[in-house]
């Protein structure tokens, strides 16, 4: 389970610097910590990471209606980033929805859906995602800390390769289900 200081020290290692025991020990570790705070949420948005998906069942609509087209309005969770997929149960009822600001409008009660969170803990990320994060932060921090354009180019290349590995692993780990109404056993990723 990596922590912020673990990520900072791995980035420092990539940049050829010594590890620190506290983020506030030097300017480089402070800069890297600030980069993590900005780049980690951005990296979470690259794909629907399996570790960053949450499920919601909500049977408590808001009392005010936003639109006459939808019967129910529900408050989205505070860590909502974007919709992943709708629950099969909701689809069977012809679930249609619209999202405005932090409210989801629909004609279904209760609603069930999967969504991508915007604040996944570092403790749940995969090893390949962790490595991609370290390389991403290192490539973004290298110009300020090392002033070495060759190292920046190398780290960006390594980051792109590791990000592709992480996305590929994430996709392979998705649940596989049979496609209905087929004469043969075909599988698909959901």
Protein backbone atom coordinates (compact mmCIF):
# COMPACT_ATOMS: atom_id res chain seq x y z
CA UNK A 1 0.00 0.00 0.00
CA UNK A 2 1.86 3.08 -1.18
CA UNK A 3 1.53 6.39 0.60
CA UNK A 4 2.26 9.90 -0.62
CA UNK A 5 5.79 9.73 0.83
CA UNK A 6 6.38 6.40 -0.96
CA UNK A 7 5.42 7.97 -4.29
CA UNK A 8 7.60 11.03 -3.55
CA UNK A 9 10.59 8.81 -2.76
CA UNK A 10 10.09 6.67 -5.88
CA UNK A 11 9.98 9.85 -7.99
CA UNK A 12 13.12 11.15 -6.28
CA UNK A 13 14.77 7.81 -7.06
CA UNK A 14 13.82 8.14 -10.75
CA UNK A 15 15.39 11.60 -10.73
CA UNK A 16 18.61 10.35 -9.13
CA UNK A 17 17.93 12.01 -5.79
CA UNK A 18 18.09 10.61 -2.26
CA UNK A 19 14.87 9.65 -0.46
CA UNK A 20 13.39 11.84 2.26
CA UNK A 21 11.76 10.89 5.56
CA UNK A 22 9.31 13.80 5.44
CA UNK A 23 7.77 15.55 2.42
CA UNK A 24 8.74 18.93 3.86
CA UNK A 25 12.44 17.97 4.07
CA UNK A 26 13.41 19.80 0.89
CA UNK A 27 12.01 21.84 -1.99
CA UNK A 28 12.18 18.93 -4.45
CA UNK A 29 9.96 16.70 -2.33
CA UNK A 30 7.46 19.54 -1.80
CA UNK A 31 7.36 20.18 -5.56
CA UNK A 32 6.85 16.44 -6.24
CA UNK A 33 4.10 16.18 -3.63
CA UNK A 34 2.29 19.12 -5.23
CA UNK A 35 2.66 17.48 -8.67
CA UNK A 36 1.15 14.27 -7.29
CA UNK A 37 -1.86 16.20 -6.01
CA UNK A 38 -2.44 17.60 -9.52
CA UNK A 39 -1.45 14.66 -11.71
CA UNK A 40 -2.99 11.77 -9.77
CA UNK A 41 -6.62 12.88 -10.38
CA UNK A 42 -5.71 13.49 -14.03
CA UNK A 43 -4.30 9.97 -14.35
CA UNK A 44 -7.47 8.57 -12.76
CA UNK A 45 -9.40 10.07 -15.68
CA UNK A 46 -7.36 8.24 -18.34
CA UNK A 47 -9.62 5.17 -18.25
CA UNK A 48 -12.20 3.49 -16.04
CA UNK A 49 -9.77 1.94 -13.56
CA UNK A 50 -11.26 -1.12 -11.85
CA UNK A 51 -10.03 0.04 -8.44
CA UNK A 52 -11.76 3.42 -8.86
CA UNK A 53 -15.31 2.21 -9.54
CA UNK A 54 -18.07 2.40 -6.94
CA UNK A 55 -21.65 1.10 -6.92
CA UNK A 56 -24.67 3.06 -5.73
CA UNK A 57 -28.26 2.09 -4.98
CA UNK A 58 -30.29 5.16 -4.13
CA UNK A 59 -33.97 5.06 -3.14
CA UNK A 60 -34.13 8.57 -1.69
CA UNK A 61 -34.90 11.14 -4.39
CA UNK A 62 -34.58 14.85 -3.76
CA UNK A 63 -37.81 16.67 -3.02
CA UNK A 64 -37.47 19.25 -5.80
CA UNK A 65 -37.70 18.40 -9.48
CA UNK A 66 -35.40 20.09 -11.98
CA UNK A 67 -37.10 18.98 -15.17
CA UNK A 68 -40.70 17.99 -15.99
CA UNK A 69 -39.33 15.15 -18.15
CA UNK A 70 -38.00 13.19 -15.18
CA UNK A 71 -39.93 12.09 -12.10
CA UNK A 72 -36.98 11.71 -9.74
CA UNK A 73 -33.80 13.63 -8.96
CA UNK A 74 -30.97 12.07 -6.96
CA UNK A 75 -27.90 13.65 -5.45
CA UNK A 76 -24.68 12.30 -6.97
CA UNK A 77 -22.04 11.13 -4.48
CA UNK A 78 -19.44 13.78 -3.52
CA UNK A 79 -16.64 11.70 -5.08
CA UNK A 80 -18.50 11.22 -8.39
CA UNK A 81 -16.32 11.79 -11.46
CA UNK A 82 -18.29 10.20 -14.32
CA UNK A 83 -20.73 7.41 -15.06
CA UNK A 84 -19.24 3.97 -15.66
CA UNK A 85 -22.30 1.89 -16.41
CA UNK A 86 -25.89 1.38 -15.43
CA UNK A 87 -26.93 -1.63 -13.35
CA UNK A 88 -28.60 -4.45 -15.30
CA UNK A 89 -31.64 -4.11 -13.06
CA UNK A 90 -32.09 -0.47 -14.02
CA UNK A 91 -31.59 -1.22 -17.73
CA UNK A 92 -34.41 -3.78 -17.62
CA UNK A 93 -36.77 -0.98 -16.60
CA UNK A 94 -35.70 1.18 -19.55
CA UNK A 95 -33.48 3.42 -17.46
CA UNK A 96 -32.84 6.80 -19.05
CA UNK A 97 -31.08 9.56 -17.19
CA UNK A 98 -29.60 13.01 -17.49
CA UNK A 99 -26.97 14.58 -15.27
CA UNK A 100 -26.98 18.29 -14.51
CA UNK A 101 -24.43 19.69 -12.07
CA UNK A 102 -24.39 17.20 -9.18
CA UNK A 103 -27.89 15.77 -9.73
CA UNK A 104 -28.96 12.74 -11.75
CA UNK A 105 -32.49 12.90 -13.14
CA UNK A 106 -34.41 9.75 -14.09
CA UNK A 107 -37.83 8.09 -14.09
CA UNK A 108 -36.58 5.06 -12.14
CA UNK A 109 -36.81 4.47 -8.42
CA UNK A 110 -34.53 3.20 -6.96
CA UNK A 111 -31.54 3.84 -9.20
CA UNK A 112 -28.49 1.60 -9.37
CA UNK A 113 -25.32 2.53 -11.17
CA UNK A 114 -21.56 2.22 -11.21
CA UNK A 115 -19.49 5.37 -11.30
CA UNK A 116 -15.83 6.33 -11.44
CA UNK A 117 -14.59 8.03 -8.29
CA UNK A 118 -12.38 11.10 -8.40
CA UNK A 119 -10.50 10.36 -5.17
CA UNK A 120 -9.38 6.71 -5.09
CA UNK A 121 -6.98 6.05 -2.25
CA UNK A 122 -3.37 5.26 -3.16
CA UNK A 123 -3.79 2.10 -1.07
CA UNK A 124 -6.07 0.49 -3.71
CA UNK A 125 -4.14 1.20 -6.91
CA UNK A 126 -2.56 -1.59 -8.95
CA UNK A 127 1.20 -2.07 -9.21
CA UNK A 128 1.30 -1.06 -12.87
CA UNK A 129 -0.79 2.03 -12.17
CA UNK A 130 1.56 2.91 -9.31
CA UNK A 131 4.56 2.61 -11.62
CA UNK A 132 2.83 4.74 -14.29
CA UNK A 133 2.02 7.38 -11.66
CA UNK A 134 5.63 7.51 -10.49
CA UNK A 135 6.94 7.89 -14.04
CA UNK A 136 4.29 10.49 -14.90
CA UNK A 137 5.14 12.62 -11.87
CA UNK A 138 8.88 12.13 -12.46
CA UNK A 139 8.60 13.27 -16.09
CA UNK A 140 6.62 16.34 -15.01
CA UNK A 141 8.99 17.16 -12.15
CA UNK A 142 12.29 16.53 -13.95
CA UNK A 143 12.50 19.87 -15.80
CA UNK A 144 12.31 21.85 -12.55
CA UNK A 145 14.49 19.55 -10.46
CA UNK A 146 17.15 18.28 -12.89
CA UNK A 147 16.99 20.60 -15.90
CA UNK A 148 17.91 17.52 -17.96
CA UNK A 149 15.87 17.36 -21.19
CA UNK A 150 17.23 13.89 -22.05
CA UNK A 151 15.93 12.54 -18.74
CA UNK A 152 12.56 14.22 -19.30
CA UNK A 153 12.25 12.59 -22.72
CA UNK A 154 13.25 9.18 -21.34
CA UNK A 155 10.80 9.41 -18.43
CA UNK A 156 7.93 10.43 -20.73
CA UNK A 157 8.60 7.46 -22.99
CA UNK A 158 8.74 5.10 -20.02
CA UNK A 159 5.54 6.63 -18.62
CA UNK A 160 3.62 6.10 -21.87
CA UNK A 161 4.74 2.45 -22.07
CA UNK A 162 3.81 1.80 -18.42
CA UNK A 163 0.47 3.59 -18.78
CA UNK A 164 -0.35 1.34 -21.75
CA UNK A 165 0.62 -1.70 -19.65
CA UNK A 166 -1.60 -0.52 -16.79
CA UNK A 167 -4.57 0.07 -19.10
CA UNK A 168 -4.07 -3.32 -20.74
CA UNK A 169 -3.93 -5.05 -17.35
CA UNK A 170 -7.00 -3.12 -16.19
CA UNK A 171 -8.93 -4.21 -19.28
CA UNK A 172 -7.89 -7.86 -18.85
CA UNK A 173 -9.07 -7.81 -15.24
CA UNK A 174 -12.59 -6.70 -16.15
CA UNK A 175 -15.38 -9.15 -15.53
CA UNK A 176 -16.17 -11.36 -18.53
CA UNK A 177 -19.79 -12.34 -19.14
CA UNK A 178 -21.60 -14.36 -21.78
CA UNK A 179 -23.43 -12.40 -24.44
CA UNK A 180 -27.14 -13.33 -24.37
CA UNK A 181 -29.12 -14.78 -27.31
CA UNK A 182 -26.22 -16.44 -29.11
CA UNK A 183 -25.99 -19.97 -30.50
CA UNK A 184 -22.42 -20.27 -29.31
CA UNK A 185 -20.56 -19.21 -26.21
CA UNK A 186 -19.21 -15.78 -27.00
CA UNK A 187 -17.76 -13.60 -24.26
CA UNK A 188 -17.53 -9.87 -24.01
CA UNK A 189 -15.98 -7.34 -21.63
CA UNK A 190 -18.28 -5.09 -19.68
